[in-house]
Amino acid sequence: MRSPVTGIVALLAALLVVIVAYMSLFTVQQTEQTIVLQFGAPVDVVTDPGLHFKAPWNSVINVDKRILDLENPSQEVIASDQKRLVVDAFARYRIKDALRFYQSVGSIQAANLQLTSLLNAALRRVLGEVSFITVVRDEREKLMGRIREQLDREAGGYGIEVVDVRIRRADLPEQNSQAVYDRMKSERQREAAEFRAQGGQRAQETRSKADRDVTVIIAEANSTAEQTRGVGDAERNRLFAEAYGKDADFFAFYRSMTAYENGLKKDDTRYLLRPDSDFFRYFSNPSGKPATETPAKP
């Protein structure tokens, strides 16, 4: 029969084995790489995910191996044409050498501070060599590539690889932007006034040409009408003359009837003429001949 002391010793031994095993095992996640430290000095770097062993007295530090973001505060940069720019940029990087990263900066927070300083310096160097138009329009993609190359070269000493650098916004400062906006507004207003003046001039020219064409058309129409009227009057006179030559009495009768029709209008039949005037000869004699006067007796 075992004594109680033996049981306690066995329990303590089992507990010690569990503690030693626990302190000798560590897990590496797929998104991490682990540095093994022995009394503060790095002795190994583990990049394969899974369960690994170490000495119980060793410690581990996990380093993220995913792509990390670096948000850079807006910076003022002076272009080669002395125009001031407000540049808002960001970068993406990853830790490719965990041991160098740990020995040089130690943490992601410290790395972000160091990379921010390097990024600002690269922005000033690259953008300071080109003009404002080149930055905002012409070669923006190419400039971002140059900034990334310079930042990657300088960050390599910290075990960091810069994946990408992007300029989110590059614009004039607020006061300069307002001045540019006011100048552009004045130019657009001047162009609008010029276009309106040109439009008014063309409208006046069009109206003048239309009025001239109307005058010419009316004049030509009146001329044609007068010619046609003259031809008609000549034909009428010819017909009248021909009719008069054939039957003078009938022609005189027709002319008088036409005069009666035109002269004796409705509600207005007043004439200040003598009854024996030639105009009323058909009233007193249907033949239209003047009545024979009765000779006076001796």
C-alpha atoms as a PDB file:
ATOM      1  CA  MET A   1       0.000   0.000   0.000  1.00  0.00           C
ATOM      2  CA  ARG A   2       1.384   3.345  -1.160  1.00  0.00           C
ATOM      3  CA  SER A   3       1.994   6.059   1.343  1.00  0.00           C
ATOM      4  CA  PRO A   4       0.383   9.543   0.996  1.00  0.00           C
ATOM      5  CA  VAL A   5       3.819  11.065   0.401  1.00  0.00           C
ATOM      6  CA  THR A   6       4.331   8.969  -2.693  1.00  0.00           C
ATOM      7  CA  GLY A   7       1.017  10.161  -4.156  1.00  0.00           C
ATOM      8  CA  ILE A   8       1.842  13.794  -3.507  1.00  0.00           C
ATOM      9  CA  VAL A   9       5.257  13.412  -5.135  1.00  0.00           C
ATOM     10  CA  ALA A  10       3.690  11.775  -8.193  1.00  0.00           C
ATOM     11  CA  LEU A  11       1.121  14.561  -8.452  1.00  0.00           C
ATOM     12  CA  LEU A  12       3.804  17.217  -8.169  1.00  0.00           C
ATOM     13  CA  ALA A  13       5.897  15.436 -10.800  1.00  0.00           C
ATOM     14  CA  ALA A  14       2.928  15.281 -13.171  1.00  0.00           C
ATOM     15  CA  LEU A  15       2.184  18.947 -12.554  1.00  0.00           C
ATOM     16  CA  LEU A  16       5.808  19.827 -13.248  1.00  0.00           C
ATOM     17  CA  VAL A  17       5.738  17.869 -16.495  1.00  0.00           C
ATOM     18  CA  VAL A  18       2.584  19.725 -17.577  1.00  0.00           C
ATOM     19  CA  ILE A  19       4.132  23.102 -16.748  1.00  0.00           C
ATOM     20  CA  VAL A  20       7.369  22.263 -18.570  1.00  0.00           C
ATOM     21  CA  ALA A  21       5.413  21.002 -21.581  1.00  0.00           C
ATOM     22  CA  TYR A  22       3.259  24.129 -21.572  1.00  0.00           C
ATOM     23  CA  MET A  23       6.340  26.364 -21.416  1.00  0.00           C
ATOM     24  CA  SER A  24       8.063  24.367 -24.179  1.00  0.00           C
ATOM     25  CA  LEU A  25       5.248  24.615 -26.744  1.00  0.00           C
ATOM     26  CA  PHE A  26       4.116  27.631 -28.773  1.00  0.00           C
ATOM     27  CA  THR A  27       1.804  28.132 -31.731  1.00  0.00           C
ATOM     28  CA  VAL A  28       2.523  30.192 -34.860  1.00  0.00           C
ATOM     29  CA  GLN A  29      -0.564  31.520 -36.654  1.00  0.00           C
ATOM     30  CA  GLN A  30      -0.760  31.760 -40.435  1.00  0.00           C
ATOM     31  CA  THR A  31      -0.733  35.562 -40.254  1.00  0.00           C
ATOM     32  CA  GLU A  32       2.302  35.707 -37.926  1.00  0.00           C
ATOM     33  CA  GLN A  33       6.018  34.977 -37.714  1.00  0.00           C
ATOM     34  CA  THR A  34       7.583  34.334 -34.334  1.00  0.00           C
ATOM     35  CA  ILE A  35      10.943  35.334 -32.858  1.00  0.00           C
ATOM     36  CA  VAL A  36      12.327  33.027 -30.138  1.00  0.00           C
ATOM     37  CA  LEU A  37      14.298  34.870 -27.439  1.00  0.00           C
ATOM     38  CA  GLN A  38      16.704  33.418 -24.937  1.00  0.00           C
ATOM     39  CA  PHE A  39      17.265  35.779 -22.046  1.00  0.00           C
ATOM     40  CA  GLY A  40      16.281  38.682 -24.327  1.00  0.00           C
ATOM     41  CA  ALA A  41      18.544  37.694 -27.227  1.00  0.00           C
ATOM     42  CA  PRO A  42      16.943  36.320 -30.416  1.00  0.00           C
ATOM     43  CA  VAL A  43      17.938  32.753 -31.189  1.00  0.00           C
ATOM     44  CA  ASP A  44      15.458  31.685 -33.859  1.00  0.00           C
ATOM     45  CA  VAL A  45      12.754  32.947 -36.233  1.00  0.00           C
ATOM     46  CA  VAL A  46       9.814  30.647 -37.010  1.00  0.00           C
ATOM     47  CA  THR A  47       7.696  31.462 -40.064  1.00  0.00           C
ATOM     48  CA  ASP A  48       5.860  28.154 -40.594  1.00  0.00           C
ATOM     49  CA  PRO A  49       2.410  28.036 -39.007  1.00  0.00           C
ATOM     50  CA  GLY A  50       1.630  25.282 -36.500  1.00  0.00           C
ATOM     51  CA  LEU A  51       2.808  23.921 -33.123  1.00  0.00           C
ATOM     52  CA  HIS A  52       6.527  24.302 -32.298  1.00  0.00           C
ATOM     53  CA  PHE A  53       8.888  23.538 -29.399  1.00  0.00           C
ATOM     54  CA  LYS A  54      11.318  25.734 -27.511  1.00  0.00           C
ATOM     55  CA  ALA A  55      13.292  25.650 -24.310  1.00  0.00           C
ATOM     56  CA  PRO A  56      11.092  26.341 -21.296  1.00  0.00           C
ATOM     57  CA  TRP A  57      13.139  29.387 -20.343  1.00  0.00           C
ATOM     58  CA  ASN A  58      12.872  30.924 -23.830  1.00  0.00           C
ATOM     59  CA  SER A  59      10.217  33.535 -24.701  1.00  0.00           C
ATOM     60  CA  VAL A  60       8.527  34.339 -28.006  1.00  0.00           C
ATOM     61  CA  ILE A  61       7.470  37.536 -29.798  1.00  0.00           C
ATOM     62  CA  ASN A  62       4.863  37.397 -32.550  1.00  0.00           C
ATOM     63  CA  VAL A  63       5.308  39.688 -35.556  1.00  0.00           C
ATOM     64  CA  ASP A  64       2.502  40.296 -38.050  1.00  0.00           C
ATOM     65  CA  LYS A  65       3.365  39.257 -41.596  1.00  0.00           C
ATOM     66  CA  ARG A  66       0.230  40.617 -43.283  1.00  0.00           C
ATOM     67  CA  ILE A  67       0.206  43.790 -45.388  1.00  0.00           C
ATOM     68  CA  LEU A  68      -0.133  46.751 -43.025  1.00  0.00           C
ATOM     69  CA  ASP A  69      -1.488  50.247 -43.660  1.00  0.00           C
ATOM     70  CA  LEU A  70       0.362  53.478 -42.964  1.00  0.00           C
ATOM     71  CA  GLU A  71      -1.872  56.555 -42.867  1.00  0.00           C
ATOM     72  CA  ASN A  72       0.174  59.692 -43.372  1.00  0.00           C
ATOM     73  CA  PRO A  73      -1.134  63.091 -42.197  1.00  0.00           C
ATOM     74  CA  SER A  74      -1.552  65.779 -44.894  1.00  0.00           C
ATOM     75  CA  GLN A  75       1.710  67.536 -45.681  1.00  0.00           C
ATOM     76  CA  GLU A  76       2.546  70.789 -47.468  1.00  0.00           C
ATOM     77  CA  VAL A  77       5.007  70.309 -50.324  1.00  0.00           C
ATOM     78  CA  ILE A  78       6.530  72.968 -52.591  1.00  0.00           C
ATOM     79  CA  ALA A  79       6.651  71.975 -56.268  1.00  0.00           C
ATOM     80  CA  SER A  80       9.431  72.992 -58.656  1.00  0.00           C
ATOM     81  CA  ASP A  81       7.343  75.956 -59.894  1.00  0.00           C
ATOM     82  CA  GLN A  82       7.135  77.211 -56.275  1.00  0.00           C
ATOM     83  CA  LYS A  83       3.470  76.335 -55.892  1.00  0.00           C
ATOM     84  CA  ARG A  84       2.464  74.955 -52.507  1.00  0.00           C
ATOM     85  CA  LEU A  85       0.623  71.649 -52.456  1.00  0.00           C
ATOM     86  CA  VAL A  86      -1.313  69.885 -49.718  1.00  0.00           C
ATOM     87  CA  VAL A  87      -0.561  66.186 -50.243  1.00  0.00           C
ATOM     88  CA  ASP A  88      -2.559  63.416 -48.577  1.00  0.00           C
ATOM     89  CA  ALA A  89      -0.793  60.053 -49.076  1.00  0.00           C
ATOM     90  CA  PHE A  90      -0.775  56.565 -47.574  1.00  0.00           C
ATOM     91  CA  ALA A  91       1.436  53.480 -47.871  1.00  0.00           C
ATOM     92  CA  ARG A  92       1.115  49.728 -47.502  1.00  0.00           C
ATOM     93  CA  TYR A  93       3.980  47.584 -46.241  1.00  0.00           C
ATOM     94  CA  ARG A  94       4.829  44.210 -44.767  1.00  0.00           C
ATOM     95  CA  ILE A  95       7.569  42.899 -42.485  1.00  0.00           C
ATOM     96  CA  LYS A  96       9.803  40.638 -44.583  1.00  0.00           C
ATOM     97  CA  ASP A  97      12.656  40.206 -42.046  1.00  0.00           C
ATOM     98  CA  ALA A  98      11.231  39.762 -38.553  1.00  0.00           C
ATOM     99  CA  LEU A  99      14.618  39.596 -36.847  1.00  0.00           C
ATOM    100  CA  ARG A 100      15.911  42.813 -38.402  1.00  0.00           C
ATOM    101  CA  PHE A 101      12.574  44.476 -37.735  1.00  0.00           C
ATOM    102  CA  TYR A 102      12.742  43.505 -34.053  1.00  0.00           C
ATOM    103  CA  GLN A 103      16.364  44.616 -33.697  1.00  0.00           C
ATOM    104  CA  SER A 104      15.876  47.972 -35.484  1.00  0.00           C
ATOM    105  CA  VAL A 105      12.435  49.304 -34.490  1.00  0.00           C
ATOM    106  CA  GLY A 106      10.971  46.685 -32.159  1.00  0.00           C
ATOM    107  CA  SER A 107       7.248  47.298 -32.731  1.00  0.00           C
ATOM    108  CA  ILE A 108       4.718  48.251 -35.385  1.00  0.00           C
ATOM    109  CA  GLN A 109       3.976  51.554 -33.634  1.00  0.00           C
ATOM    110  CA  ALA A 110       7.638  52.547 -33.764  1.00  0.00           C
ATOM    111  CA  ALA A 111       7.834  51.352 -37.377  1.00  0.00           C
ATOM    112  CA  ASN A 112       4.861  53.548 -38.329  1.00  0.00           C
ATOM    113  CA  LEU A 113       6.552  56.602 -36.830  1.00  0.00           C
ATOM    114  CA  GLN A 114       9.781  55.881 -38.699  1.00  0.00           C
ATOM    115  CA  LEU A 115       8.009  55.163 -41.998  1.00  0.00           C
ATOM    116  CA  THR A 116       5.953  58.358 -41.687  1.00  0.00           C
ATOM    117  CA  SER A 117       9.144  60.401 -41.467  1.00  0.00           C
ATOM    118  CA  LEU A 118      10.672  58.547 -44.422  1.00  0.00           C
ATOM    119  CA  LEU A 119       7.486  58.903 -46.495  1.00  0.00           C
ATOM    120  CA  ASN A 120       7.313  62.663 -45.912  1.00  0.00           C
ATOM    121  CA  ALA A 121      10.949  63.021 -46.934  1.00  0.00           C
ATOM    122  CA  ALA A 122      10.368  60.998 -50.107  1.00  0.00           C
ATOM    123  CA  LEU A 123       7.285  63.079 -50.955  1.00  0.00           C
ATOM    124  CA  ARG A 124       9.245  66.321 -50.634  1.00  0.00           C
ATOM    125  CA  ARG A 125      12.164  65.030 -52.697  1.00  0.00           C
ATOM    126  CA  VAL A 126      10.129  63.611 -55.578  1.00  0.00           C
ATOM    127  CA  LEU A 127       7.351  66.221 -55.775  1.00  0.00           C
ATOM    128  CA  GLY A 128       9.830  69.069 -55.307  1.00  0.00           C
ATOM    129  CA  GLU A 129      11.454  68.143 -58.621  1.00  0.00           C
ATOM    130  CA  VAL A 130       8.310  68.487 -60.766  1.00  0.00           C
ATOM    131  CA  SER A 131       5.686  71.149 -61.467  1.00  0.00           C
ATOM    132  CA  PHE A 132       2.210  71.460 -60.021  1.00  0.00           C
ATOM    133  CA  ILE A 133       0.520  70.285 -63.251  1.00  0.00           C
ATOM    134  CA  THR A 134       2.766  67.217 -63.374  1.00  0.00           C
ATOM    135  CA  VAL A 135       1.671  66.212 -59.872  1.00  0.00           C
ATOM    136  CA  VAL A 136      -2.059  66.724 -60.230  1.00  0.00           C
ATOM    137  CA  ARG A 137      -2.530  65.611 -63.840  1.00  0.00           C
ATOM    138  CA  ASP A 138       0.320  64.451 -66.063  1.00  0.00           C
ATOM    139  CA  GLU A 139       2.579  61.915 -64.283  1.00  0.00           C
ATOM    140  CA  ARG A 140       0.894  61.143 -60.981  1.00  0.00           C
ATOM    141  CA  GLU A 141       1.166  57.354 -61.363  1.00  0.00           C
ATOM    142  CA  LYS A 142       4.836  57.573 -62.276  1.00  0.00           C
ATOM    143  CA  LEU A 143       5.578  59.853 -59.317  1.00  0.00           C
ATOM    144  CA  MET A 144       3.899  57.447 -56.887  1.00  0.00           C
ATOM    145  CA  GLY A 145       6.112  54.672 -58.246  1.00  0.00           C
ATOM    146  CA  ARG A 146       9.240  56.746 -57.646  1.00  0.00           C
ATOM    147  CA  ILE A 147       8.148  57.546 -54.087  1.00  0.00           C
ATOM    148  CA  ARG A 148       7.503  53.862 -53.387  1.00  0.00           C
ATOM    149  CA  GLU A 149      10.929  52.886 -54.702  1.00  0.00           C
ATOM    150  CA  GLN A 150      12.708  55.444 -52.524  1.00  0.00           C
ATOM    151  CA  LEU A 151      10.672  54.537 -49.446  1.00  0.00           C
ATOM    152  CA  ASP A 152      11.221  50.808 -50.007  1.00  0.00           C
ATOM    153  CA  ARG A 153      14.968  51.305 -50.367  1.00  0.00           C
ATOM    154  CA  GLU A 154      15.187  53.257 -47.115  1.00  0.00           C
ATOM    155  CA  ALA A 155      12.807  50.965 -45.210  1.00  0.00           C
ATOM    156  CA  GLY A 156      14.737  47.863 -46.215  1.00  0.00           C
ATOM    157  CA  GLY A 157      17.190  48.503 -43.385  1.00  0.00           C
ATOM    158  CA  TYR A 158      14.343  47.943 -40.932  1.00  0.00           C
ATOM    159  CA  GLY A 159      13.329  44.594 -42.427  1.00  0.00           C
ATOM    160  CA  ILE A 160      10.297  46.230 -44.085  1.00  0.00           C
ATOM    161  CA  GLU A 161       9.131  45.904 -47.705  1.00  0.00           C
ATOM    162  CA  VAL A 162       6.964  48.768 -49.025  1.00  0.00           C
ATOM    163  CA  VAL A 163       4.247  47.310 -51.236  1.00  0.00           C
ATOM    164  CA  ASP A 164       2.513  50.455 -52.451  1.00  0.00           C
ATOM    165  CA  VAL A 165       2.362  54.226 -52.028  1.00  0.00           C
ATOM    166  CA  ARG A 166      -0.668  56.220 -53.119  1.00  0.00           C
ATOM    167  CA  ILE A 167      -1.355  59.938 -53.270  1.00  0.00           C
ATOM    168  CA  ARG A 168      -4.974  60.229 -52.235  1.00  0.00           C
ATOM    169  CA  ARG A 169      -5.182  63.995 -52.815  1.00  0.00           C
ATOM    170  CA  ALA A 170      -2.810  66.682 -54.088  1.00  0.00           C
ATOM    171  CA  ASP A 171      -4.290  70.152 -54.140  1.00  0.00           C
ATOM    172  CA  LEU A 172      -3.542  73.770 -53.466  1.00  0.00           C
ATOM    173  CA  PRO A 173      -3.986  75.138 -49.941  1.00  0.00           C
ATOM    174  CA  GLU A 174      -7.431  76.488 -49.140  1.00  0.00           C
ATOM    175  CA  GLN A 175      -6.532  80.153 -49.667  1.00  0.00           C
ATOM    176  CA  ASN A 176      -4.801  79.383 -52.967  1.00  0.00           C
ATOM    177  CA  SER A 177      -7.684  77.213 -54.105  1.00  0.00           C
ATOM    178  CA  GLN A 178     -10.116  80.062 -53.449  1.00  0.00           C
ATOM    179  CA  ALA A 179      -7.940  82.468 -55.431  1.00  0.00           C
ATOM    180  CA  VAL A 180      -7.716  80.002 -58.314  1.00  0.00           C
ATOM    181  CA  TYR A 181     -11.458  79.439 -58.160  1.00  0.00           C
ATOM    182  CA  ASP A 182     -12.139  83.200 -58.259  1.00  0.00           C
ATOM    183  CA  ARG A 183      -9.778  83.607 -61.214  1.00  0.00           C
ATOM    184  CA  MET A 184     -11.384  80.724 -63.073  1.00  0.00           C
ATOM    185  CA  LYS A 185     -14.816  82.144 -62.315  1.00  0.00           C
ATOM    186  CA  SER A 186     -13.794  85.551 -63.713  1.00  0.00           C
ATOM    187  CA  GLU A 187     -12.402  83.893 -66.849  1.00  0.00           C
ATOM    188  CA  ARG A 188     -15.585  81.891 -67.366  1.00  0.00           C
ATOM    189  CA  GLN A 189     -17.707  85.013 -66.866  1.00  0.00           C
ATOM    190  CA  ARG A 190     -15.563  86.905 -69.388  1.00  0.00           C
ATOM    191  CA  GLU A 191     -15.875  84.048 -71.886  1.00  0.00           C
ATOM    192  CA  ALA A 192     -19.637  83.900 -71.295  1.00  0.00           C
ATOM    193  CA  ALA A 193     -19.944  87.653 -71.894  1.00  0.00           C
ATOM    194  CA  GLU A 194     -17.863  87.308 -75.067  1.00  0.00           C
ATOM    195  CA  PHE A 195     -20.039  84.442 -76.298  1.00  0.00           C
ATOM    196  CA  ARG A 196     -23.191  86.439 -75.534  1.00  0.00           C
ATOM    197  CA  ALA A 197     -21.792  89.448 -77.411  1.00  0.00           C
ATOM    198  CA  GLN A 198     -20.902  87.270 -80.400  1.00  0.00           C
ATOM    199  CA  GLY A 199     -24.335  85.667 -80.255  1.00  0.00           C
ATOM    200  CA  GLY A 200     -26.009  89.093 -80.123  1.00  0.00           C
ATOM    201  CA  GLN A 201     -23.947  90.257 -83.092  1.00  0.00           C
ATOM    202  CA  ARG A 202     -24.845  87.174 -85.116  1.00  0.00           C
ATOM    203  CA  ALA A 203     -28.492  87.539 -84.140  1.00  0.00           C
ATOM    204  CA  GLN A 204     -28.452  91.183 -85.290  1.00  0.00           C
ATOM    205  CA  GLU A 205     -26.775  90.160 -88.551  1.00  0.00           C
ATOM    206  CA  THR A 206     -29.369  87.431 -89.065  1.00  0.00           C
ATOM    207  CA  ARG A 207     -32.245  89.817 -88.321  1.00  0.00           C
ATOM    208  CA  SER A 208     -30.770  92.450 -90.644  1.00  0.00           C
ATOM    209  CA  LYS A 209     -30.361  89.910 -93.437  1.00  0.00           C
ATOM    210  CA  ALA A 210     -33.895  88.633 -92.840  1.00  0.00           C
ATOM    211  CA  ASP A 211     -35.303  92.201 -92.938  1.00  0.00           C
ATOM    212  CA  ARG A 212     -33.338  92.910 -96.119  1.00  0.00           C
ATOM    213  CA  ASP A 213     -34.567  89.684 -97.700  1.00  0.00           C
ATOM    214  CA  VAL A 214     -38.148  90.512 -96.693  1.00  0.00           C
ATOM    215  CA  THR A 215     -37.831  93.974 -98.238  1.00  0.00           C
ATOM    216  CA  VAL A 216     -36.392  92.555-101.451  1.00  0.00           C
ATOM    217  CA  ILE A 217     -39.039  89.816-101.619  1.00  0.00           C
ATOM    218  CA  ILE A 218     -41.866  92.294-100.990  1.00  0.00           C
ATOM    219  CA  ALA A 219     -40.424  94.700-103.567  1.00  0.00           C
ATOM    220  CA  GLU A 220     -40.084  91.917-106.123  1.00  0.00           C
ATOM    221  CA  ALA A 221     -43.622  90.723-105.327  1.00  0.00           C
ATOM    222  CA  ASN A 222     -45.019  94.260-105.684  1.00  0.00           C
ATOM    223  CA  SER A 223     -43.125  94.677-108.938  1.00  0.00           C
ATOM    224  CA  THR A 224     -44.490  91.404-110.251  1.00  0.00           C
ATOM    225  CA  ALA A 225     -47.979  92.359-109.051  1.00  0.00           C
ATOM    226  CA  GLU A 226     -47.780  95.767-110.735  1.00  0.00           C
ATOM    227  CA  GLN A 227     -46.539  94.190-113.941  1.00  0.00           C
ATOM    228  CA  THR A 228     -49.340  91.636-113.814  1.00  0.00           C
ATOM    229  CA  ARG A 229     -51.828  94.370-112.973  1.00  0.00           C
ATOM    230  CA  GLY A 230     -50.528  96.462-115.844  1.00  0.00           C
ATOM    231  CA  VAL A 231     -50.823  93.559-118.233  1.00  0.00           C
ATOM    232  CA  GLY A 232     -54.353  92.941-116.972  1.00  0.00           C
ATOM    233  CA  ASP A 233     -55.289  96.601-117.325  1.00  0.00           C
ATOM    234  CA  ALA A 234     -53.863  96.677-120.844  1.00  0.00           C
ATOM    235  CA  GLU A 235     -55.815  93.571-121.742  1.00  0.00           C
ATOM    236  CA  ARG A 236     -58.925  95.041-120.188  1.00  0.00           C
ATOM    237  CA  ASN A 237     -58.503  98.289-122.106  1.00  0.00           C
ATOM    238  CA  ARG A 238     -57.904  96.329-125.295  1.00  0.00           C
ATOM    239  CA  LEU A 239     -61.060  94.358-124.724  1.00  0.00           C
ATOM    240  CA  PHE A 240     -62.978  97.529-123.881  1.00  0.00           C
ATOM    241  CA  ALA A 241     -61.639  99.228-126.977  1.00  0.00           C
ATOM    242  CA  GLU A 242     -62.480  96.210-129.103  1.00  0.00           C
ATOM    243  CA  ALA A 243     -65.969  96.081-127.613  1.00  0.00           C
ATOM    244  CA  TYR A 244     -66.392  99.808-128.095  1.00  0.00           C
ATOM    245  CA  GLY A 245     -65.427  99.456-131.703  1.00  0.00           C
ATOM    246  CA  LYS A 246     -67.975  96.723-132.267  1.00  0.00           C
ATOM    247  CA  ASP A 247     -70.940  98.297-130.421  1.00  0.00           C
ATOM    248  CA  ALA A 248     -70.419 101.749-128.988  1.00  0.00           C
ATOM    249  CA  ASP A 249     -73.934 102.008-127.593  1.00  0.00           C
ATOM    250  CA  PHE A 250     -73.679  98.714-125.695  1.00  0.00           C
ATOM    251  CA  PHE A 251     -70.287  99.687-124.366  1.00  0.00           C
ATOM    252  CA  ALA A 252     -71.638 103.017-123.130  1.00  0.00           C
ATOM    253  CA  PHE A 253     -74.574 101.172-121.527  1.00  0.00           C
ATOM    254  CA  TYR A 254     -72.268  98.651-119.819  1.00  0.00           C
ATOM    255  CA  ARG A 255     -70.025 101.393-118.507  1.00  0.00           C
ATOM    256  CA  SER A 256     -72.996 103.287-117.078  1.00  0.00           C
ATOM    257  CA  MET A 257     -74.409 100.173-115.419  1.00  0.00           C
ATOM    258  CA  THR A 258     -71.023  99.509-113.851  1.00  0.00           C
ATOM    259  CA  ALA A 259     -70.911 103.119-112.633  1.00  0.00           C
ATOM    260  CA  TYR A 260     -74.427 102.779-111.167  1.00  0.00           C
ATOM    261  CA  GLU A 261     -73.415  99.557-109.391  1.00  0.00           C
ATOM    262  CA  ASN A 262     -70.307 101.103-107.914  1.00  0.00           C
ATOM    263  CA  GLY A 263     -71.929 104.413-107.094  1.00  0.00           C
ATOM    264  CA  LEU A 264     -75.296 103.442-105.736  1.00  0.00           C
ATOM    265  CA  LYS A 265     -74.310 101.666-102.534  1.00  0.00           C
ATOM    266  CA  LYS A 266     -76.634 100.411 -99.851  1.00  0.00           C
ATOM    267  CA  ASP A 267     -77.779 103.108 -97.418  1.00  0.00           C
ATOM    268  CA  ASP A 268     -75.952 105.779 -99.404  1.00  0.00           C
ATOM    269  CA  THR A 269     -77.654 106.886-102.655  1.00  0.00           C
ATOM    270  CA  ARG A 270     -77.210 110.648-102.376  1.00  0.00           C
ATOM    271  CA  TYR A 271     -75.731 112.525-105.333  1.00  0.00           C
ATOM    272  CA  LEU A 272     -75.360 116.238-105.834  1.00  0.00           C
ATOM    273  CA  LEU A 273     -75.974 116.210-109.578  1.00  0.00           C
ATOM    274  CA  ARG A 274     -78.464 117.689-111.914  1.00  0.00           C
ATOM    275  CA  PRO A 275     -81.189 115.244-112.946  1.00  0.00           C
ATOM    276  CA  ASP A 276     -80.516 115.927-116.611  1.00  0.00           C
ATOM    277  CA  SER A 277     -76.790 115.254-116.253  1.00  0.00           C
ATOM    278  CA  ASP A 278     -75.157 112.700-118.490  1.00  0.00           C
ATOM    279  CA  PHE A 279     -74.718 110.300-115.525  1.00  0.00           C
ATOM    280  CA  PHE A 280     -78.522 109.817-115.267  1.00  0.00           C
ATOM    281  CA  ARG A 281     -79.269 109.646-118.968  1.00  0.00           C
ATOM    282  CA  TYR A 282     -80.415 106.003-118.737  1.00  0.00           C
ATOM    283  CA  PHE A 283     -82.903 106.951-116.016  1.00  0.00           C
ATOM    284  CA  SER A 284     -84.733 109.366-118.312  1.00  0.00           C
ATOM    285  CA  ASN A 285     -84.247 107.409-121.526  1.00  0.00           C
ATOM    286  CA  PRO A 286     -83.528 103.656-121.700  1.00  0.00           C
ATOM    287  CA  SER A 287     -81.622 104.196-124.919  1.00  0.00           C
ATOM    288  CA  GLY A 288     -79.322 106.612-123.180  1.00  0.00           C
ATOM    289  CA  LYS A 289     -79.875 109.308-125.741  1.00  0.00           C
ATOM    290  CA  PRO A 290     -80.754 112.804-124.586  1.00  0.00           C
ATOM    291  CA  ALA A 291     -84.415 113.741-124.932  1.00  0.00           C
ATOM    292  CA  THR A 292     -85.278 115.901-127.945  1.00  0.00           C
ATOM    293  CA  GLU A 293     -86.087 119.388-126.793  1.00  0.00           C
ATOM    294  CA  THR A 294     -89.491 120.732-127.881  1.00  0.00           C
ATOM    295  CA  PRO A 295     -88.984 123.779-130.140  1.00  0.00           C
ATOM    296  CA  ALA A 296     -90.333 126.995-128.795  1.00  0.00           C
ATOM    297  CA  LYS A 297     -93.457 128.389-130.509  1.00  0.00           C
ATOM    298  CA  PRO A 298     -93.151 131.660-132.321  1.00  0.00           C
END
